[in-house]
């Protein structure tokens, strides 16, 4: 599987979860908790394969290096927001506000990857490289996440 296609599929899953959570109210605490757990798992899985396989491959090229380091920083910010959300009550205005910042941060990250980083990657990596990276990322997902029975269903 093409690495960029795999990452775009992950982005789409995350977008669906973000939109579902955004539609919940403070009274839908149980639903929020369940959806947030799925979102957290999807982001954890996605970050792991990017940071373990995709970004190291991107760091080898001058025209993707800066964007790769920026993406890593964005992951750190998303992780911090998630940690803050976990400390908040799911039925609070604070949680809702923090969630909005999470959604904005993830949306910005995805847009920058898909509009800027991915086209640059396509210029420096050929089809076989992207296939190889995609196969390795999929295998890592299956080994680390699916094996642990943490599949993400929407």
N, C-alpha and C. Protein backbone atom coordinates (compact mmCIF):
# COMPACT_ATOMS: atom_id res chain seq x y z
N UNK A 1 0.84 -1.19 0.00
CA UNK A 1 0.00 0.00 0.00
C UNK A 1 0.89 1.24 0.00
N UNK A 2 0.50 2.21 -0.76
CA UNK A 2 1.19 3.49 -0.81
C UNK A 2 1.13 4.16 0.56
N UNK A 3 2.26 4.63 1.06
CA UNK A 3 2.35 5.23 2.39
C UNK A 3 1.43 6.44 2.54
N UNK A 4 1.38 7.27 1.52
CA UNK A 4 0.57 8.48 1.61
C UNK A 4 -0.92 8.15 1.61
N UNK A 5 -1.29 7.12 0.87
CA UNK A 5 -2.69 6.67 0.87
C UNK A 5 -3.07 6.15 2.25
N UNK A 6 -2.21 5.38 2.86
CA UNK A 6 -2.46 4.85 4.20
C UNK A 6 -2.63 5.99 5.20
N UNK A 7 -1.75 6.98 5.14
CA UNK A 7 -1.83 8.11 6.07
C UNK A 7 -3.09 8.93 5.83
N UNK A 8 -3.48 9.10 4.57
CA UNK A 8 -4.72 9.83 4.27
C UNK A 8 -5.95 9.07 4.80
N UNK A 9 -5.92 7.76 4.73
CA UNK A 9 -7.02 6.96 5.30
C UNK A 9 -7.11 7.17 6.81
N UNK A 10 -5.96 7.19 7.47
CA UNK A 10 -5.95 7.48 8.90
C UNK A 10 -6.51 8.87 9.17
N UNK A 11 -6.10 9.84 8.37
CA UNK A 11 -6.61 11.21 8.54
C UNK A 11 -8.13 11.25 8.43
N UNK A 12 -8.67 10.50 7.48
CA UNK A 12 -10.13 10.47 7.29
C UNK A 12 -10.83 9.86 8.51
N UNK A 13 -10.27 8.78 9.07
CA UNK A 13 -10.85 8.17 10.28
C UNK A 13 -10.86 9.15 11.43
N UNK A 14 -9.75 9.85 11.60
CA UNK A 14 -9.64 10.83 12.69
C UNK A 14 -10.64 11.96 12.48
N UNK A 15 -10.79 12.43 11.26
CA UNK A 15 -11.74 13.51 10.97
C UNK A 15 -13.17 13.09 11.32
N UNK A 16 -13.52 11.87 11.00
CA UNK A 16 -14.87 11.36 11.34
C UNK A 16 -15.07 11.38 12.85
N UNK A 17 -14.09 10.90 13.59
CA UNK A 17 -14.20 10.89 15.05
C UNK A 17 -14.26 12.30 15.63
N UNK A 18 -13.43 13.20 15.12
CA UNK A 18 -13.46 14.59 15.59
C UNK A 18 -14.83 15.20 15.37
N UNK A 19 -15.41 14.97 14.19
CA UNK A 19 -16.74 15.53 13.89
C UNK A 19 -17.83 14.93 14.75
N UNK A 20 -17.74 13.63 15.02
CA UNK A 20 -18.74 12.99 15.89
C UNK A 20 -18.66 13.56 17.30
N UNK A 21 -17.45 13.73 17.81
CA UNK A 21 -17.29 14.28 19.16
C UNK A 21 -17.79 15.72 19.21
N UNK A 22 -17.46 16.49 18.19
CA UNK A 22 -17.87 17.90 18.16
C UNK A 22 -19.39 18.04 18.23
N UNK A 23 -20.12 17.08 17.69
CA UNK A 23 -21.58 17.14 17.68
C UNK A 23 -22.21 16.78 19.03
N UNK A 24 -21.40 16.24 19.96
CA UNK A 24 -21.95 15.87 21.27
C UNK A 24 -22.10 17.10 22.15
N UNK A 25 -22.99 16.98 23.12
CA UNK A 25 -23.17 18.07 24.09
C UNK A 25 -22.53 17.65 25.42
N UNK A 26 -22.47 18.58 26.33
CA UNK A 26 -21.90 18.27 27.64
C UNK A 26 -22.71 17.19 28.37
N UNK A 27 -23.97 17.02 27.98
CA UNK A 27 -24.80 16.00 28.64
C UNK A 27 -24.52 14.60 28.12
N UNK A 28 -23.83 14.48 27.00
CA UNK A 28 -23.55 13.18 26.38
C UNK A 28 -22.20 12.64 26.86
N UNK A 29 -22.03 12.60 28.17
CA UNK A 29 -20.75 12.24 28.76
C UNK A 29 -20.28 10.84 28.35
N UNK A 30 -21.17 9.88 28.40
CA UNK A 30 -20.80 8.50 28.06
C UNK A 30 -20.35 8.40 26.60
N UNK A 31 -21.10 9.02 25.70
CA UNK A 31 -20.76 9.01 24.28
C UNK A 31 -19.43 9.71 24.05
N UNK A 32 -19.24 10.85 24.69
CA UNK A 32 -17.97 11.58 24.56
C UNK A 32 -16.80 10.71 25.01
N UNK A 33 -16.94 10.06 26.13
CA UNK A 33 -15.86 9.22 26.65
C UNK A 33 -15.51 8.11 25.67
N UNK A 34 -16.53 7.46 25.13
CA UNK A 34 -16.31 6.37 24.19
C UNK A 34 -15.64 6.86 22.91
N UNK A 35 -16.16 7.94 22.35
CA UNK A 35 -15.59 8.48 21.11
C UNK A 35 -14.18 9.02 21.35
N UNK A 36 -13.97 9.65 22.49
CA UNK A 36 -12.65 10.19 22.80
C UNK A 36 -11.63 9.06 22.94
N UNK A 37 -12.03 7.95 23.54
CA UNK A 37 -11.12 6.80 23.66
C UNK A 37 -10.73 6.29 22.28
N UNK A 38 -11.67 6.22 21.37
CA UNK A 38 -11.38 5.79 19.99
C UNK A 38 -10.47 6.80 19.29
N UNK A 39 -10.74 8.07 19.48
CA UNK A 39 -9.92 9.12 18.87
C UNK A 39 -8.49 9.05 19.39
N UNK A 40 -8.37 8.91 20.68
CA UNK A 40 -7.04 8.84 21.30
C UNK A 40 -6.25 7.66 20.75
N UNK A 41 -6.89 6.53 20.61
CA UNK A 41 -6.24 5.34 20.07
C UNK A 41 -5.85 5.54 18.60
N UNK A 42 -6.74 6.15 17.83
CA UNK A 42 -6.45 6.39 16.41
C UNK A 42 -5.26 7.34 16.26
N UNK A 43 -5.22 8.38 17.08
CA UNK A 43 -4.10 9.32 17.01
C UNK A 43 -2.80 8.68 17.47
N UNK A 44 -2.88 7.88 18.51
CA UNK A 44 -1.69 7.19 19.03
C UNK A 44 -1.11 6.27 17.95
N UNK A 45 -1.96 5.50 17.31
CA UNK A 45 -1.54 4.58 16.26
C UNK A 45 -0.93 5.35 15.09
N UNK A 46 -1.59 6.41 14.67
CA UNK A 46 -1.13 7.20 13.54
C UNK A 46 0.22 7.87 13.85
N UNK A 47 0.32 8.49 15.00
CA UNK A 47 1.58 9.12 15.39
C UNK A 47 2.71 8.10 15.43
N UNK A 48 2.42 6.95 15.95
CA UNK A 48 3.47 5.92 16.10
C UNK A 48 4.05 5.50 14.76
N UNK A 49 3.19 5.23 13.79
CA UNK A 49 3.73 4.79 12.49
C UNK A 49 4.42 5.93 11.76
N UNK A 50 3.92 7.14 11.94
CA UNK A 50 4.60 8.28 11.31
C UNK A 50 5.97 8.50 11.94
N UNK A 51 6.02 8.51 13.25
CA UNK A 51 7.27 8.81 13.95
C UNK A 51 8.29 7.68 13.84
N UNK A 52 7.83 6.45 13.69
CA UNK A 52 8.73 5.31 13.63
C UNK A 52 9.25 5.05 12.22
N UNK A 53 8.40 5.26 11.22
CA UNK A 53 8.79 4.88 9.85
C UNK A 53 8.75 6.06 8.87
N UNK A 54 7.62 6.77 8.81
CA UNK A 54 7.44 7.78 7.77
C UNK A 54 8.36 8.99 7.95
N UNK A 55 8.35 9.60 9.11
CA UNK A 55 9.16 10.80 9.31
C UNK A 55 10.66 10.53 9.19
N UNK A 56 11.17 9.42 9.73
CA UNK A 56 12.61 9.16 9.49
C UNK A 56 12.96 9.10 8.00
N UNK A 57 12.06 8.54 7.19
CA UNK A 57 12.31 8.51 5.75
C UNK A 57 12.28 9.92 5.16
N UNK A 58 11.39 10.76 5.66
CA UNK A 58 11.28 12.14 5.16
C UNK A 58 12.48 13.00 5.55
N UNK A 59 13.09 12.68 6.67
CA UNK A 59 14.24 13.46 7.15
C UNK A 59 15.47 13.33 6.24
N UNK A 60 15.45 12.39 5.34
CA UNK A 60 16.60 12.17 4.45
C UNK A 60 16.66 13.18 3.30
N UNK A 61 15.62 13.98 3.15
CA UNK A 61 15.54 14.89 2.00
C UNK A 61 15.42 16.34 2.48
N UNK A 62 16.19 17.20 1.85
CA UNK A 62 16.20 18.62 2.23
C UNK A 62 14.83 19.27 2.13
N UNK A 63 14.08 18.96 1.08
CA UNK A 63 12.81 19.67 0.89
C UNK A 63 11.67 19.16 1.78
N UNK A 64 11.91 18.11 2.56
CA UNK A 64 10.89 17.63 3.52
C UNK A 64 11.36 17.72 4.97
N UNK A 65 12.60 18.06 5.18
CA UNK A 65 13.18 18.04 6.53
C UNK A 65 12.50 19.01 7.50
N UNK A 66 12.38 20.26 7.13
CA UNK A 66 11.78 21.26 8.03
C UNK A 66 10.33 20.91 8.33
N UNK A 67 9.57 20.53 7.31
CA UNK A 67 8.17 20.17 7.53
C UNK A 67 8.04 18.94 8.43
N UNK A 68 9.00 18.04 8.34
CA UNK A 68 8.98 16.84 9.18
C UNK A 68 9.18 17.22 10.65
N UNK A 69 10.14 18.11 10.91
CA UNK A 69 10.35 18.55 12.29
C UNK A 69 9.14 19.33 12.81
N UNK A 70 8.52 20.12 11.95
CA UNK A 70 7.31 20.84 12.34
C UNK A 70 6.19 19.86 12.69
N UNK A 71 6.04 18.82 11.88
CA UNK A 71 5.00 17.82 12.14
C UNK A 71 5.23 17.12 13.47
N UNK A 72 6.49 16.83 13.79
CA UNK A 72 6.80 16.21 15.07
C UNK A 72 6.42 17.12 16.24
N UNK A 73 6.66 18.40 16.09
CA UNK A 73 6.26 19.36 17.14
C UNK A 73 4.75 19.41 17.28
N UNK A 74 4.05 19.34 16.14
CA UNK A 74 2.59 19.34 16.20
C UNK A 74 2.08 18.09 16.92
N UNK A 75 2.74 16.98 16.74
CA UNK A 75 2.37 15.77 17.48
C UNK A 75 2.50 16.03 18.98
N UNK A 76 3.56 16.67 19.39
CA UNK A 76 3.77 16.97 20.82
C UNK A 76 2.65 17.85 21.37
N UNK A 77 2.24 18.83 20.57
CA UNK A 77 1.17 19.72 21.00
C UNK A 77 -0.14 18.95 21.14
N UNK A 78 -0.44 18.10 20.17
CA UNK A 78 -1.66 17.29 20.22
C UNK A 78 -1.64 16.38 21.45
N UNK A 79 -0.50 15.78 21.73
CA UNK A 79 -0.38 14.91 22.91
C UNK A 79 -0.63 15.69 24.20
N UNK A 80 -0.15 16.91 24.26
CA UNK A 80 -0.36 17.76 25.45
C UNK A 80 -1.84 18.08 25.61
N UNK A 81 -2.49 18.43 24.52
CA UNK A 81 -3.92 18.75 24.59
C UNK A 81 -4.72 17.53 25.03
N UNK A 82 -4.36 16.36 24.50
CA UNK A 82 -5.05 15.13 24.90
C UNK A 82 -4.87 14.88 26.39
N UNK A 83 -3.66 15.07 26.90
CA UNK A 83 -3.41 14.89 28.33
C UNK A 83 -4.26 15.87 29.15
N UNK A 84 -4.38 17.10 28.68
CA UNK A 84 -5.21 18.09 29.37
C UNK A 84 -6.69 17.69 29.32
N UNK A 85 -7.13 17.17 28.18
CA UNK A 85 -8.52 16.73 28.07
C UNK A 85 -8.82 15.59 29.05
N UNK A 86 -7.86 14.70 29.21
CA UNK A 86 -8.06 13.58 30.13
C UNK A 86 -8.20 14.03 31.58
N UNK A 87 -7.66 15.19 31.90
CA UNK A 87 -7.74 15.74 33.26
C UNK A 87 -9.03 16.53 33.48
N UNK A 88 -9.75 16.81 32.40
CA UNK A 88 -10.97 17.61 32.48
C UNK A 88 -12.19 16.70 32.56
N UNK A 89 -13.26 17.24 33.13
CA UNK A 89 -14.52 16.50 33.15
C UNK A 89 -15.15 16.58 31.76
N UNK A 90 -15.61 15.44 31.27
CA UNK A 90 -16.17 15.36 29.92
C UNK A 90 -17.42 16.22 29.76
N UNK A 91 -18.06 16.57 30.85
CA UNK A 91 -19.29 17.36 30.76
C UNK A 91 -19.05 18.83 31.10
N UNK A 92 -17.81 19.28 31.01
CA UNK A 92 -17.51 20.67 31.36
C UNK A 92 -17.29 21.53 30.11
N UNK A 93 -17.48 22.81 30.28
CA UNK A 93 -17.19 23.78 29.22
C UNK A 93 -15.69 23.79 28.92
N UNK A 94 -14.88 23.55 29.95
CA UNK A 94 -13.43 23.49 29.77
C UNK A 94 -13.06 22.38 28.80
N UNK A 95 -13.67 21.21 28.97
CA UNK A 95 -13.40 20.09 28.06
C UNK A 95 -13.79 20.47 26.64
N UNK A 96 -14.97 21.08 26.50
CA UNK A 96 -15.44 21.47 25.18
C UNK A 96 -14.48 22.45 24.52
N UNK A 97 -14.00 23.42 25.29
CA UNK A 97 -13.04 24.39 24.76
C UNK A 97 -11.73 23.74 24.37
N UNK A 98 -11.23 22.87 25.23
CA UNK A 98 -9.98 22.17 24.92
C UNK A 98 -10.14 21.27 23.70
N UNK A 99 -11.29 20.64 23.60
CA UNK A 99 -11.53 19.79 22.43
C UNK A 99 -11.50 20.61 21.14
N UNK A 100 -12.07 21.81 21.17
CA UNK A 100 -12.05 22.67 19.98
C UNK A 100 -10.61 22.97 19.56
N UNK A 101 -9.74 23.21 20.53
CA UNK A 101 -8.33 23.47 20.22
C UNK A 101 -7.68 22.21 19.65
N UNK A 102 -8.03 21.05 20.19
CA UNK A 102 -7.50 19.80 19.66
C UNK A 102 -7.92 19.62 18.20
N UNK A 103 -9.19 19.83 17.94
CA UNK A 103 -9.69 19.67 16.57
C UNK A 103 -8.99 20.63 15.61
N UNK A 104 -8.82 21.87 16.02
CA UNK A 104 -8.13 22.85 15.18
C UNK A 104 -6.68 22.43 14.94
N UNK A 105 -6.01 21.95 15.98
CA UNK A 105 -4.61 21.54 15.85
C UNK A 105 -4.45 20.35 14.92
N UNK A 106 -5.31 19.36 15.09
CA UNK A 106 -5.24 18.16 14.24
C UNK A 106 -5.59 18.54 12.80
N UNK A 107 -6.61 19.35 12.61
CA UNK A 107 -7.02 19.76 11.27
C UNK A 107 -5.90 20.52 10.56
N UNK A 108 -5.23 21.41 11.29
CA UNK A 108 -4.10 22.15 10.72
C UNK A 108 -2.98 21.18 10.31
N UNK A 109 -2.67 20.25 11.19
CA UNK A 109 -1.61 19.27 10.93
C UNK A 109 -1.92 18.45 9.67
N UNK A 110 -3.14 17.97 9.58
CA UNK A 110 -3.55 17.15 8.43
C UNK A 110 -3.49 17.97 7.15
N UNK A 111 -4.01 19.18 7.19
CA UNK A 111 -4.01 20.04 6.00
C UNK A 111 -2.58 20.29 5.54
N UNK A 112 -1.68 20.59 6.46
CA UNK A 112 -0.30 20.87 6.09
C UNK A 112 0.39 19.64 5.52
N UNK A 113 0.13 18.49 6.13
CA UNK A 113 0.71 17.27 5.58
C UNK A 113 0.20 17.00 4.17
N UNK A 114 -1.10 17.03 4.00
CA UNK A 114 -1.69 16.64 2.72
C UNK A 114 -1.44 17.67 1.62
N UNK A 115 -1.40 18.95 1.95
CA UNK A 115 -1.24 19.99 0.93
C UNK A 115 0.22 20.35 0.67
N UNK A 116 1.09 20.17 1.66
CA UNK A 116 2.48 20.61 1.50
C UNK A 116 3.48 19.46 1.58
N UNK A 117 3.44 18.71 2.68
CA UNK A 117 4.44 17.65 2.87
C UNK A 117 4.28 16.51 1.86
N UNK A 118 3.08 15.99 1.71
CA UNK A 118 2.88 14.84 0.82
C UNK A 118 3.29 15.13 -0.63
N UNK A 119 2.92 16.29 -1.20
CA UNK A 119 3.39 16.57 -2.56
C UNK A 119 4.92 16.62 -2.66
N UNK A 120 5.56 17.14 -1.64
CA UNK A 120 7.03 17.16 -1.64
C UNK A 120 7.60 15.74 -1.55
N UNK A 121 6.95 14.92 -0.74
CA UNK A 121 7.39 13.53 -0.61
C UNK A 121 7.27 12.82 -1.95
N UNK A 122 6.18 13.05 -2.66
CA UNK A 122 5.98 12.42 -3.98
C UNK A 122 7.08 12.83 -4.98
N UNK A 123 7.63 14.02 -4.79
CA UNK A 123 8.69 14.48 -5.69
C UNK A 123 10.03 13.81 -5.40
N UNK A 124 10.26 13.42 -4.15
CA UNK A 124 11.58 12.87 -3.80
C UNK A 124 11.59 11.35 -3.64
N UNK A 125 10.42 10.76 -3.48
CA UNK A 125 10.35 9.30 -3.34
C UNK A 125 9.59 8.72 -4.52
N UNK A 126 10.09 7.62 -5.03
CA UNK A 126 9.38 6.98 -6.14
C UNK A 126 8.30 6.04 -5.60
N UNK A 127 7.55 5.51 -6.54
CA UNK A 127 6.40 4.66 -6.19
C UNK A 127 6.83 3.45 -5.34
N UNK A 128 7.93 2.83 -5.68
CA UNK A 128 8.37 1.65 -4.93
C UNK A 128 8.79 2.01 -3.51
N UNK A 129 9.40 3.18 -3.32
CA UNK A 129 9.75 3.62 -1.96
C UNK A 129 8.49 3.84 -1.13
N UNK A 130 7.50 4.50 -1.73
CA UNK A 130 6.26 4.77 -1.01
C UNK A 130 5.51 3.47 -0.70
N UNK A 131 5.56 2.52 -1.61
CA UNK A 131 4.95 1.20 -1.37
C UNK A 131 5.65 0.50 -0.21
N UNK A 132 6.97 0.51 -0.24
CA UNK A 132 7.76 -0.14 0.81
C UNK A 132 7.46 0.47 2.18
N UNK A 133 7.44 1.79 2.25
CA UNK A 133 7.15 2.47 3.51
C UNK A 133 5.72 2.15 3.96
N UNK A 134 4.78 2.15 3.02
CA UNK A 134 3.39 1.84 3.35
C UNK A 134 3.22 0.44 3.88
N UNK A 135 3.88 -0.52 3.26
CA UNK A 135 3.82 -1.91 3.72
C UNK A 135 4.39 -2.02 5.13
N UNK A 136 5.50 -1.34 5.37
CA UNK A 136 6.12 -1.39 6.69
C UNK A 136 5.23 -0.74 7.75
N UNK A 137 4.59 0.37 7.40
CA UNK A 137 3.70 1.04 8.35
C UNK A 137 2.49 0.16 8.66
N UNK A 138 1.92 -0.45 7.64
CA UNK A 138 0.76 -1.32 7.85
C UNK A 138 1.14 -2.51 8.72
N UNK A 139 2.30 -3.09 8.47
CA UNK A 139 2.76 -4.23 9.27
C UNK A 139 2.96 -3.81 10.73
N UNK A 140 3.51 -2.63 10.93
CA UNK A 140 3.72 -2.14 12.30
C UNK A 140 2.39 -1.91 13.00
N UNK A 141 1.43 -1.35 12.28
CA UNK A 141 0.09 -1.18 12.85
C UNK A 141 -0.47 -2.51 13.31
N UNK A 142 -0.40 -3.49 12.43
CA UNK A 142 -0.96 -4.80 12.74
C UNK A 142 -0.22 -5.46 13.90
N UNK A 143 1.07 -5.33 13.92
CA UNK A 143 1.86 -5.94 14.99
C UNK A 143 1.59 -5.28 16.33
N UNK A 144 1.62 -3.96 16.34
CA UNK A 144 1.53 -3.24 17.61
C UNK A 144 0.10 -3.00 18.08
N UNK A 145 -0.81 -2.71 17.18
CA UNK A 145 -2.13 -2.27 17.60
C UNK A 145 -3.22 -3.32 17.40
N UNK A 146 -3.28 -3.90 16.23
CA UNK A 146 -4.34 -4.87 15.98
C UNK A 146 -4.11 -6.10 16.84
N UNK A 147 -2.85 -6.48 17.00
CA UNK A 147 -2.50 -7.63 17.84
C UNK A 147 -2.99 -7.43 19.27
N UNK A 148 -2.97 -6.18 19.72
CA UNK A 148 -3.41 -5.86 21.09
C UNK A 148 -4.93 -5.71 21.18
N UNK A 149 -5.65 -6.08 20.12
CA UNK A 149 -7.11 -5.98 20.08
C UNK A 149 -7.61 -4.56 20.26
N UNK A 150 -6.87 -3.62 19.76
CA UNK A 150 -7.29 -2.24 19.89
C UNK A 150 -7.71 -1.67 18.53
N UNK A 151 -8.49 -2.44 17.80
CA UNK A 151 -8.95 -1.95 16.51
C UNK A 151 -9.93 -0.81 16.71
N UNK A 152 -9.92 0.09 15.78
CA UNK A 152 -10.74 1.28 15.88
C UNK A 152 -11.90 1.17 14.92
N UNK A 153 -13.09 1.05 15.46
CA UNK A 153 -14.27 0.99 14.60
C UNK A 153 -15.03 2.29 14.72
N UNK A 154 -15.56 2.71 13.61
CA UNK A 154 -16.31 3.97 13.61
C UNK A 154 -17.76 3.60 13.65
